[in-house]
Amino acid sequence: HLYENKIPWRKVYLSRKKIQRTKSEEFLWRGLPKEQFLFQNDERIDNPDLIEQFFSDLGFEIICPEDFSSFTDQIKYFNTVKTLAGVTTAGLLNSIYMPKGGTVFEMSTPLVGNGRESIHHFYKDLSFVKDHKFLSITNFRNASTIIDKIKQDKALLEFLSA
């Protein structure tokens, strides 16, 4: 392991700011009627700045996985992460590089495929294999609602603040 004798210390929130946005007309693939979709685009949260500020105030580093200069640097960095938070995004797969026993917090966003919304279980399953604690709350793309949910759950807020 890269940091065999080091205790992970980082609390990280994954930003999606650098993800190229999908236009509504591109999102509605295969000619399915617009009415089949509850959400009309690939935005995972309506106000990324608000949610990032909230996590920053809790002591989280805000990062974009796209900013790493090499894959090796990315692996080394995530090997120092003890808590990883983000909305449903491929960036949460970086939890595989975290040492065992970390925490993954997903604001779970329904994804749309073939006109149906679904929640996948990739990050929960990966967390099980890595012996991470996995926490999830439902995210219907509203930053204020998410922040209110976290603030109302004293145990969750205390856990994320630690």
N, C-alpha and C. Protein backbone atom coordinates (compact mmCIF):
# COMPACT_ATOMS: atom_id res chain seq x y z
N HIS A 1 0.83 -1.19 0.00
CA HIS A 1 0.00 0.00 0.00
C HIS A 1 0.88 1.25 0.00
N LEU A 2 0.40 2.29 -0.60
CA LEU A 2 1.19 3.51 -0.76
C LEU A 2 1.51 4.20 0.56
N TYR A 3 0.56 4.21 1.48
CA TYR A 3 0.73 4.88 2.76
C TYR A 3 0.45 3.87 3.87
N GLU A 4 1.16 2.77 3.84
CA GLU A 4 0.86 1.63 4.71
C GLU A 4 0.73 2.00 6.19
N ASN A 5 1.58 2.86 6.69
CA ASN A 5 1.57 3.16 8.12
C ASN A 5 0.92 4.51 8.44
N LYS A 6 0.28 5.10 7.47
CA LYS A 6 -0.36 6.40 7.68
C LYS A 6 -1.84 6.20 7.97
N ILE A 7 -2.37 7.01 8.86
CA ILE A 7 -3.80 6.99 9.16
C ILE A 7 -4.45 8.02 8.24
N PRO A 8 -5.49 7.62 7.51
CA PRO A 8 -6.14 8.58 6.61
C PRO A 8 -6.78 9.71 7.42
N TRP A 9 -6.71 10.92 6.89
CA TRP A 9 -7.20 12.07 7.62
C TRP A 9 -8.13 12.98 6.82
N ARG A 10 -8.12 12.87 5.55
CA ARG A 10 -8.88 13.82 4.72
C ARG A 10 -10.38 13.55 4.74
N LYS A 11 -11.14 14.65 4.74
CA LYS A 11 -12.58 14.61 4.50
C LYS A 11 -12.77 15.34 3.18
N VAL A 12 -13.35 14.65 2.20
CA VAL A 12 -13.38 15.17 0.83
C VAL A 12 -14.80 15.19 0.29
N TYR A 13 -15.17 16.32 -0.31
CA TYR A 13 -16.42 16.42 -1.06
C TYR A 13 -16.05 16.50 -2.54
N LEU A 14 -16.70 15.67 -3.34
CA LEU A 14 -16.44 15.63 -4.78
C LEU A 14 -17.31 16.63 -5.53
N SER A 15 -16.66 17.59 -6.14
CA SER A 15 -17.37 18.59 -6.94
C SER A 15 -17.58 18.05 -8.35
N ARG A 16 -18.71 18.43 -8.94
CA ARG A 16 -19.00 18.09 -10.34
C ARG A 16 -18.90 19.32 -11.24
N LYS A 17 -18.26 20.38 -10.75
CA LYS A 17 -18.20 21.63 -11.50
C LYS A 17 -17.56 21.48 -12.88
N LYS A 18 -16.63 20.58 -13.02
CA LYS A 18 -15.91 20.47 -14.28
C LYS A 18 -16.49 19.41 -15.21
N ILE A 19 -17.61 18.81 -14.81
CA ILE A 19 -18.28 17.82 -15.66
C ILE A 19 -19.02 18.57 -16.76
N GLN A 20 -18.82 18.13 -17.99
CA GLN A 20 -19.53 18.76 -19.09
C GLN A 20 -21.01 18.45 -18.96
N ARG A 21 -21.82 19.47 -18.98
CA ARG A 21 -23.27 19.32 -18.83
C ARG A 21 -23.90 18.74 -20.08
N THR A 22 -24.89 17.89 -19.86
CA THR A 22 -25.63 17.29 -20.96
C THR A 22 -26.88 18.11 -21.21
N LYS A 23 -27.06 18.51 -22.45
CA LYS A 23 -28.25 19.28 -22.79
C LYS A 23 -29.48 18.39 -22.74
N SER A 24 -30.62 19.00 -22.43
CA SER A 24 -31.87 18.24 -22.32
C SER A 24 -32.14 17.39 -23.55
N GLU A 25 -31.95 17.98 -24.74
CA GLU A 25 -32.27 17.22 -25.95
C GLU A 25 -31.32 16.04 -26.15
N GLU A 26 -30.08 16.14 -25.64
CA GLU A 26 -29.15 15.01 -25.72
C GLU A 26 -29.49 13.96 -24.66
N PHE A 27 -30.02 14.44 -23.54
CA PHE A 27 -30.35 13.55 -22.44
C PHE A 27 -31.52 12.63 -22.79
N LEU A 28 -32.41 13.13 -23.60
CA LEU A 28 -33.58 12.34 -23.99
C LEU A 28 -33.22 11.48 -25.20
N TRP A 29 -32.48 10.45 -24.95
CA TRP A 29 -31.99 9.61 -26.03
C TRP A 29 -33.03 8.59 -26.48
N ARG A 30 -32.74 8.00 -27.60
CA ARG A 30 -33.55 6.93 -28.18
C ARG A 30 -35.00 7.34 -28.47
N GLY A 31 -35.23 8.63 -28.61
CA GLY A 31 -36.54 9.10 -29.01
C GLY A 31 -37.66 8.86 -28.01
N LEU A 32 -37.32 8.61 -26.75
CA LEU A 32 -38.36 8.40 -25.75
C LEU A 32 -39.06 9.72 -25.45
N PRO A 33 -40.36 9.68 -25.22
CA PRO A 33 -41.09 10.92 -24.94
C PRO A 33 -40.62 11.59 -23.66
N LYS A 34 -40.60 12.90 -23.68
CA LYS A 34 -40.17 13.70 -22.54
C LYS A 34 -40.93 13.36 -21.27
N GLU A 35 -42.19 12.99 -21.41
CA GLU A 35 -43.04 12.70 -20.26
C GLU A 35 -42.55 11.48 -19.46
N GLN A 36 -41.69 10.65 -20.06
CA GLN A 36 -41.20 9.46 -19.36
C GLN A 36 -40.11 9.79 -18.34
N PHE A 37 -39.67 11.04 -18.32
CA PHE A 37 -38.57 11.42 -17.45
C PHE A 37 -39.04 12.40 -16.39
N LEU A 38 -38.76 12.10 -15.12
CA LEU A 38 -39.04 13.06 -14.06
C LEU A 38 -38.05 14.22 -14.15
N PHE A 39 -36.79 13.89 -14.46
CA PHE A 39 -35.75 14.91 -14.59
C PHE A 39 -35.36 15.01 -16.05
N GLN A 40 -35.16 16.24 -16.53
CA GLN A 40 -34.93 16.45 -17.95
C GLN A 40 -33.47 16.68 -18.32
N ASN A 41 -32.55 16.54 -17.37
CA ASN A 41 -31.14 16.73 -17.70
C ASN A 41 -30.29 15.94 -16.72
N ASP A 42 -28.99 16.07 -16.84
CA ASP A 42 -28.06 15.29 -16.02
C ASP A 42 -27.54 16.08 -14.82
N GLU A 43 -28.16 17.19 -14.49
CA GLU A 43 -27.74 17.94 -13.31
C GLU A 43 -28.04 17.09 -12.07
N ARG A 44 -27.06 16.91 -11.21
CA ARG A 44 -27.26 16.10 -10.02
C ARG A 44 -27.69 16.94 -8.83
N ILE A 45 -27.47 18.26 -8.92
CA ILE A 45 -27.86 19.14 -7.82
C ILE A 45 -28.08 20.55 -8.40
N ASP A 46 -29.09 21.22 -7.90
CA ASP A 46 -29.47 22.51 -8.48
C ASP A 46 -28.53 23.65 -8.12
N ASN A 47 -27.84 23.56 -6.99
CA ASN A 47 -26.98 24.66 -6.55
C ASN A 47 -25.68 24.08 -5.99
N PRO A 48 -24.75 23.70 -6.89
CA PRO A 48 -23.51 23.08 -6.42
C PRO A 48 -22.70 23.98 -5.48
N ASP A 49 -22.75 25.29 -5.71
CA ASP A 49 -21.98 26.20 -4.84
C ASP A 49 -22.48 26.15 -3.40
N LEU A 50 -23.79 26.10 -3.22
CA LEU A 50 -24.38 26.06 -1.88
C LEU A 50 -23.98 24.78 -1.14
N ILE A 51 -24.08 23.64 -1.81
CA ILE A 51 -23.75 22.37 -1.14
C ILE A 51 -22.24 22.28 -0.88
N GLU A 52 -21.43 22.80 -1.80
CA GLU A 52 -19.98 22.79 -1.59
C GLU A 52 -19.60 23.68 -0.42
N GLN A 53 -20.23 24.83 -0.28
CA GLN A 53 -19.95 25.71 0.85
C GLN A 53 -20.34 25.04 2.16
N PHE A 54 -21.47 24.34 2.16
CA PHE A 54 -21.91 23.63 3.35
C PHE A 54 -20.87 22.59 3.78
N PHE A 55 -20.40 21.79 2.83
CA PHE A 55 -19.40 20.78 3.17
C PHE A 55 -18.06 21.41 3.54
N SER A 56 -17.70 22.49 2.89
CA SER A 56 -16.48 23.21 3.25
C SER A 56 -16.55 23.70 4.69
N ASP A 57 -17.71 24.22 5.08
CA ASP A 57 -17.92 24.69 6.46
C ASP A 57 -17.80 23.55 7.48
N LEU A 58 -18.06 22.31 7.02
CA LEU A 58 -17.92 21.13 7.90
C LEU A 58 -16.48 20.60 7.91
N GLY A 59 -15.58 21.29 7.20
CA GLY A 59 -14.18 20.89 7.21
C GLY A 59 -13.77 19.98 6.06
N PHE A 60 -14.63 19.84 5.05
CA PHE A 60 -14.31 19.01 3.90
C PHE A 60 -13.48 19.78 2.88
N GLU A 61 -12.53 19.10 2.25
CA GLU A 61 -11.83 19.65 1.09
C GLU A 61 -12.76 19.47 -0.10
N ILE A 62 -12.84 20.46 -0.96
CA ILE A 62 -13.67 20.36 -2.16
C ILE A 62 -12.72 20.10 -3.32
N ILE A 63 -12.90 18.96 -3.99
CA ILE A 63 -12.00 18.64 -5.09
C ILE A 63 -12.78 18.21 -6.33
N CYS A 64 -12.12 18.35 -7.46
CA CYS A 64 -12.61 17.82 -8.73
C CYS A 64 -11.62 16.73 -9.14
N PRO A 65 -12.05 15.48 -9.26
CA PRO A 65 -11.13 14.42 -9.65
C PRO A 65 -10.40 14.72 -10.96
N GLU A 66 -11.00 15.55 -11.81
CA GLU A 66 -10.38 15.88 -13.09
C GLU A 66 -9.10 16.70 -12.93
N ASP A 67 -8.86 17.25 -11.74
CA ASP A 67 -7.71 18.12 -11.52
C ASP A 67 -6.40 17.37 -11.26
N PHE A 68 -6.46 16.08 -11.04
CA PHE A 68 -5.22 15.35 -10.77
C PHE A 68 -4.38 15.28 -12.03
N SER A 69 -3.06 15.47 -11.85
CA SER A 69 -2.18 15.47 -13.02
C SER A 69 -1.89 14.07 -13.54
N SER A 70 -2.07 13.07 -12.67
CA SER A 70 -1.85 11.70 -13.13
C SER A 70 -2.75 10.75 -12.33
N PHE A 71 -2.94 9.59 -12.87
CA PHE A 71 -3.73 8.57 -12.19
C PHE A 71 -3.05 8.15 -10.89
N THR A 72 -1.73 8.09 -10.91
CA THR A 72 -0.97 7.73 -9.71
C THR A 72 -1.21 8.76 -8.60
N ASP A 73 -1.20 10.05 -8.96
CA ASP A 73 -1.47 11.10 -7.96
C ASP A 73 -2.87 10.96 -7.38
N GLN A 74 -3.81 10.60 -8.22
CA GLN A 74 -5.19 10.41 -7.77
C GLN A 74 -5.26 9.26 -6.77
N ILE A 75 -4.62 8.16 -7.07
CA ILE A 75 -4.61 7.00 -6.16
C ILE A 75 -3.95 7.37 -4.83
N LYS A 76 -2.81 8.04 -4.90
CA LYS A 76 -2.11 8.45 -3.67
C LYS A 76 -2.98 9.37 -2.81
N TYR A 77 -3.65 10.31 -3.45
CA TYR A 77 -4.50 11.25 -2.72
C TYR A 77 -5.63 10.51 -2.01
N PHE A 78 -6.36 9.68 -2.74
CA PHE A 78 -7.52 8.99 -2.14
C PHE A 78 -7.09 7.96 -1.11
N ASN A 79 -5.84 7.58 -1.12
CA ASN A 79 -5.33 6.68 -0.08
C ASN A 79 -5.17 7.41 1.25
N THR A 80 -5.35 8.73 1.25
CA THR A 80 -5.28 9.52 2.49
C THR A 80 -6.67 9.98 2.95
N VAL A 81 -7.71 9.55 2.24
CA VAL A 81 -9.07 10.01 2.54
C VAL A 81 -9.74 9.07 3.54
N LYS A 82 -10.32 9.66 4.60
CA LYS A 82 -11.06 8.85 5.57
C LYS A 82 -12.57 8.96 5.33
N THR A 83 -13.05 10.13 4.81
CA THR A 83 -14.47 10.34 4.54
C THR A 83 -14.61 10.95 3.16
N LEU A 84 -15.42 10.31 2.34
CA LEU A 84 -15.66 10.77 0.97
C LEU A 84 -17.14 11.04 0.80
N ALA A 85 -17.49 12.25 0.34
CA ALA A 85 -18.89 12.63 0.19
C ALA A 85 -19.13 13.18 -1.21
N GLY A 86 -20.33 12.94 -1.72
CA GLY A 86 -20.70 13.52 -3.00
C GLY A 86 -22.07 13.05 -3.42
N VAL A 87 -22.59 13.74 -4.44
CA VAL A 87 -23.82 13.27 -5.05
C VAL A 87 -23.46 12.06 -5.90
N THR A 88 -24.44 11.30 -6.33
CA THR A 88 -24.19 10.14 -7.17
C THR A 88 -23.34 10.58 -8.37
N THR A 89 -22.16 10.02 -8.47
CA THR A 89 -21.23 10.37 -9.54
C THR A 89 -20.13 9.33 -9.60
N ALA A 90 -19.55 9.16 -10.75
CA ALA A 90 -18.46 8.18 -10.91
C ALA A 90 -17.28 8.51 -10.01
N GLY A 91 -17.15 9.77 -9.59
CA GLY A 91 -16.06 10.14 -8.69
C GLY A 91 -16.06 9.35 -7.40
N LEU A 92 -17.23 8.87 -6.97
CA LEU A 92 -17.29 8.06 -5.75
C LEU A 92 -16.58 6.73 -5.89
N LEU A 93 -16.30 6.33 -7.12
CA LEU A 93 -15.53 5.09 -7.32
C LEU A 93 -14.11 5.22 -6.77
N ASN A 94 -13.65 6.44 -6.56
CA ASN A 94 -12.33 6.63 -5.95
C ASN A 94 -12.26 6.06 -4.55
N SER A 95 -13.39 5.71 -3.98
CA SER A 95 -13.39 5.09 -2.65
C SER A 95 -12.62 3.77 -2.65
N ILE A 96 -12.44 3.20 -3.82
CA ILE A 96 -11.68 1.94 -3.90
C ILE A 96 -10.22 2.15 -3.49
N TYR A 97 -9.73 3.39 -3.60
CA TYR A 97 -8.34 3.68 -3.23
C TYR A 97 -8.20 4.13 -1.79
N MET A 98 -9.33 4.30 -1.10
CA MET A 98 -9.28 4.66 0.32
C MET A 98 -8.86 3.44 1.13
N PRO A 99 -8.16 3.65 2.23
CA PRO A 99 -7.86 2.52 3.11
C PRO A 99 -9.16 1.91 3.65
N LYS A 100 -9.10 0.65 4.00
CA LYS A 100 -10.28 -0.02 4.57
C LYS A 100 -10.77 0.72 5.80
N GLY A 101 -12.09 0.67 6.01
CA GLY A 101 -12.67 1.24 7.20
C GLY A 101 -13.03 2.71 7.10
N GLY A 102 -12.98 3.29 5.91
CA GLY A 102 -13.35 4.69 5.74
C GLY A 102 -14.87 4.85 5.71
N THR A 103 -15.30 6.03 5.31
CA THR A 103 -16.72 6.33 5.22
C THR A 103 -17.03 6.94 3.87
N VAL A 104 -18.11 6.46 3.25
CA VAL A 104 -18.59 7.02 1.99
C VAL A 104 -20.00 7.54 2.24
N PHE A 105 -20.22 8.81 1.91
CA PHE A 105 -21.52 9.44 2.08
C PHE A 105 -22.04 9.86 0.70
N GLU A 106 -23.09 9.20 0.26
CA GLU A 106 -23.67 9.48 -1.06
C GLU A 106 -25.01 10.18 -0.91
N MET A 107 -25.14 11.28 -1.62
CA MET A 107 -26.44 11.91 -1.77
C MET A 107 -27.01 11.30 -3.04
N SER A 108 -27.77 10.26 -2.85
CA SER A 108 -28.17 9.34 -3.90
C SER A 108 -29.19 9.97 -4.85
N THR A 109 -28.78 10.11 -6.10
CA THR A 109 -29.60 10.73 -7.13
C THR A 109 -30.15 9.66 -8.06
N PRO A 110 -31.45 9.64 -8.27
CA PRO A 110 -32.00 8.70 -9.26
C PRO A 110 -31.42 9.02 -10.64
N LEU A 111 -30.98 7.98 -11.33
CA LEU A 111 -30.48 8.14 -12.68
C LEU A 111 -31.51 7.60 -13.65
N VAL A 112 -31.48 8.10 -14.87
CA VAL A 112 -32.49 7.73 -15.85
C VAL A 112 -31.86 6.91 -16.95
N GLY A 113 -32.49 5.79 -17.26
CA GLY A 113 -32.08 4.95 -18.38
C GLY A 113 -33.30 4.37 -19.04
N ASN A 114 -33.37 4.51 -20.34
CA ASN A 114 -34.52 3.99 -21.10
C ASN A 114 -35.85 4.49 -20.56
N GLY A 115 -35.87 5.73 -20.12
CA GLY A 115 -37.11 6.33 -19.66
C GLY A 115 -37.52 5.96 -18.25
N ARG A 116 -36.67 5.22 -17.54
CA ARG A 116 -37.00 4.82 -16.16
C ARG A 116 -35.93 5.34 -15.22
N GLU A 117 -36.39 5.82 -14.09
CA GLU A 117 -35.45 6.23 -13.05
C GLU A 117 -35.09 5.03 -12.19
N SER A 118 -33.86 5.02 -11.75
CA SER A 118 -33.45 3.93 -10.87
C SER A 118 -32.31 4.42 -9.99
N ILE A 119 -32.15 3.73 -8.89
CA ILE A 119 -31.02 3.96 -8.00
C ILE A 119 -30.13 2.74 -8.14
N HIS A 120 -28.86 2.98 -8.39
CA HIS A 120 -27.95 1.83 -8.46
C HIS A 120 -27.24 1.65 -7.13
N HIS A 121 -26.58 0.55 -6.99
CA HIS A 121 -25.97 0.19 -5.70
C HIS A 121 -24.46 0.04 -5.78
N PHE A 122 -23.83 0.62 -6.79
CA PHE A 122 -22.39 0.46 -6.97
C PHE A 122 -21.61 0.84 -5.73
N TYR A 123 -21.89 2.01 -5.20
CA TYR A 123 -21.07 2.54 -4.12
C TYR A 123 -21.33 1.81 -2.80
N LYS A 124 -22.54 1.39 -2.59
CA LYS A 124 -22.86 0.60 -1.40
C LYS A 124 -22.14 -0.75 -1.46
N ASP A 125 -22.20 -1.39 -2.61
CA ASP A 125 -21.53 -2.69 -2.78
C ASP A 125 -20.02 -2.56 -2.65
N LEU A 126 -19.46 -1.52 -3.27
CA LEU A 126 -18.02 -1.30 -3.18
C LEU A 126 -17.62 -1.01 -1.73
N SER A 127 -18.44 -0.26 -1.03
CA SER A 127 -18.15 0.04 0.37
C SER A 127 -18.15 -1.23 1.22
N PHE A 128 -19.05 -2.13 0.92
CA PHE A 128 -19.11 -3.40 1.65
C PHE A 128 -17.79 -4.16 1.45
N VAL A 129 -17.34 -4.24 0.22
CA VAL A 129 -16.10 -4.97 -0.09
C VAL A 129 -14.90 -4.32 0.59
N LYS A 130 -14.87 -2.99 0.66
CA LYS A 130 -13.75 -2.26 1.26
C LYS A 130 -13.90 -2.07 2.77
N ASP A 131 -14.98 -2.59 3.35
CA ASP A 131 -15.23 -2.45 4.79
C ASP A 131 -15.38 -0.98 5.19
N HIS A 132 -15.96 -0.19 4.29
CA HIS A 132 -16.27 1.21 4.60
C HIS A 132 -17.67 1.29 5.21
N LYS A 133 -17.87 2.31 6.03
CA LYS A 133 -19.23 2.65 6.43
C LYS A 133 -19.85 3.35 5.23
N PHE A 134 -21.09 3.03 4.93
CA PHE A 134 -21.76 3.66 3.79
C PHE A 134 -23.01 4.35 4.30
N LEU A 135 -23.11 5.63 4.05
CA LEU A 135 -24.27 6.42 4.44
C LEU A 135 -24.87 7.01 3.18
N SER A 136 -26.19 7.05 3.12
CA SER A 136 -26.85 7.58 1.94
C SER A 136 -28.13 8.30 2.33
N ILE A 137 -28.38 9.40 1.65
CA ILE A 137 -29.67 10.06 1.78
C ILE A 137 -30.20 10.29 0.37
N THR A 138 -31.50 10.39 0.26
CA THR A 138 -32.12 10.62 -1.04
C THR A 138 -31.86 12.05 -1.48
N ASN A 139 -31.50 12.21 -2.73
CA ASN A 139 -31.22 13.51 -3.31
C ASN A 139 -32.13 13.72 -4.51
N PHE A 140 -33.05 14.65 -4.40
CA PHE A 140 -33.88 15.00 -5.54
C PHE A 140 -33.43 16.31 -6.15
N ARG A 141 -32.10 16.48 -6.16
CA ARG A 141 -31.43 17.56 -6.87
C ARG A 141 -31.63 18.95 -6.25
N ASN A 142 -31.96 19.04 -4.99
CA ASN A 142 -32.16 20.33 -4.36
C ASN A 142 -31.20 20.49 -3.18
N ALA A 143 -30.22 21.39 -3.34
CA ALA A 143 -29.18 21.57 -2.33
C ALA A 143 -29.75 21.99 -0.98
N SER A 144 -30.70 22.91 -0.98
CA SER A 144 -31.27 23.38 0.29
C SER A 144 -31.96 22.25 1.05
N THR A 145 -32.66 21.39 0.33
CA THR A 145 -33.34 20.26 0.97
C THR A 145 -32.32 19.29 1.57
N ILE A 146 -31.25 19.04 0.84
CA ILE A 146 -30.20 18.14 1.35
C ILE A 146 -29.58 18.71 2.63
N ILE A 147 -29.24 19.98 2.60
CA ILE A 147 -28.63 20.62 3.77
C ILE A 147 -29.59 20.56 4.95
N ASP A 148 -30.87 20.84 4.72
CA ASP A 148 -31.87 20.75 5.79
C ASP A 148 -31.95 19.33 6.35
N LYS A 149 -31.94 18.31 5.47
CA LYS A 149 -31.98 16.91 5.94
C LYS A 149 -30.79 16.61 6.84
N ILE A 150 -29.61 17.05 6.43
CA ILE A 150 -28.41 16.78 7.23
C ILE A 150 -28.48 17.51 8.56
N LYS A 151 -28.89 18.78 8.54
CA LYS A 151 -28.95 19.57 9.77
C LYS A 151 -29.98 19.02 10.74
N GLN A 152 -31.08 18.46 10.23
CA GLN A 152 -32.13 17.91 11.10
C GLN A 152 -31.74 16.57 11.70
N ASP A 153 -30.78 15.88 11.12
CA ASP A 153 -30.32 14.60 11.63
C ASP A 153 -29.06 14.86 12.46
N LYS A 154 -29.26 15.05 13.75
CA LYS A 154 -28.15 15.45 14.65
C LYS A 154 -26.99 14.46 14.58
N ALA A 155 -27.29 13.17 14.54
CA ALA A 155 -26.22 12.16 14.50
C ALA A 155 -25.43 12.27 13.19
N LEU A 156 -26.13 12.45 12.08
CA LEU A 156 -25.46 12.58 10.79
C LEU A 156 -24.62 13.85 10.75
N LEU A 157 -25.18 14.96 11.21
CA LEU A 157 -24.44 16.21 11.22
C LEU A 157 -23.19 16.11 12.09
N GLU A 158 -23.35 15.50 13.26
CA GLU A 158 -22.20 15.32 14.16
C GLU A 158 -21.15 14.43 13.52
N PHE A 159 -21.61 13.38 12.86
CA PHE A 159 -20.68 12.45 12.21
C PHE A 159 -19.90 13.16 11.10
N LEU A 160 -20.59 13.93 10.26
CA LEU A 160 -19.92 14.61 9.16
C LEU A 160 -19.05 15.75 9.66
N SER A 161 -19.36 16.30 10.83
CA SER A 161 -18.59 17.41 11.39
C SER A 161 -17.31 16.92 12.07
N ALA A 162 -17.28 15.65 12.45
CA ALA A 162 -16.12 15.11 13.20
C ALA A 162 -14.86 15.12 12.36
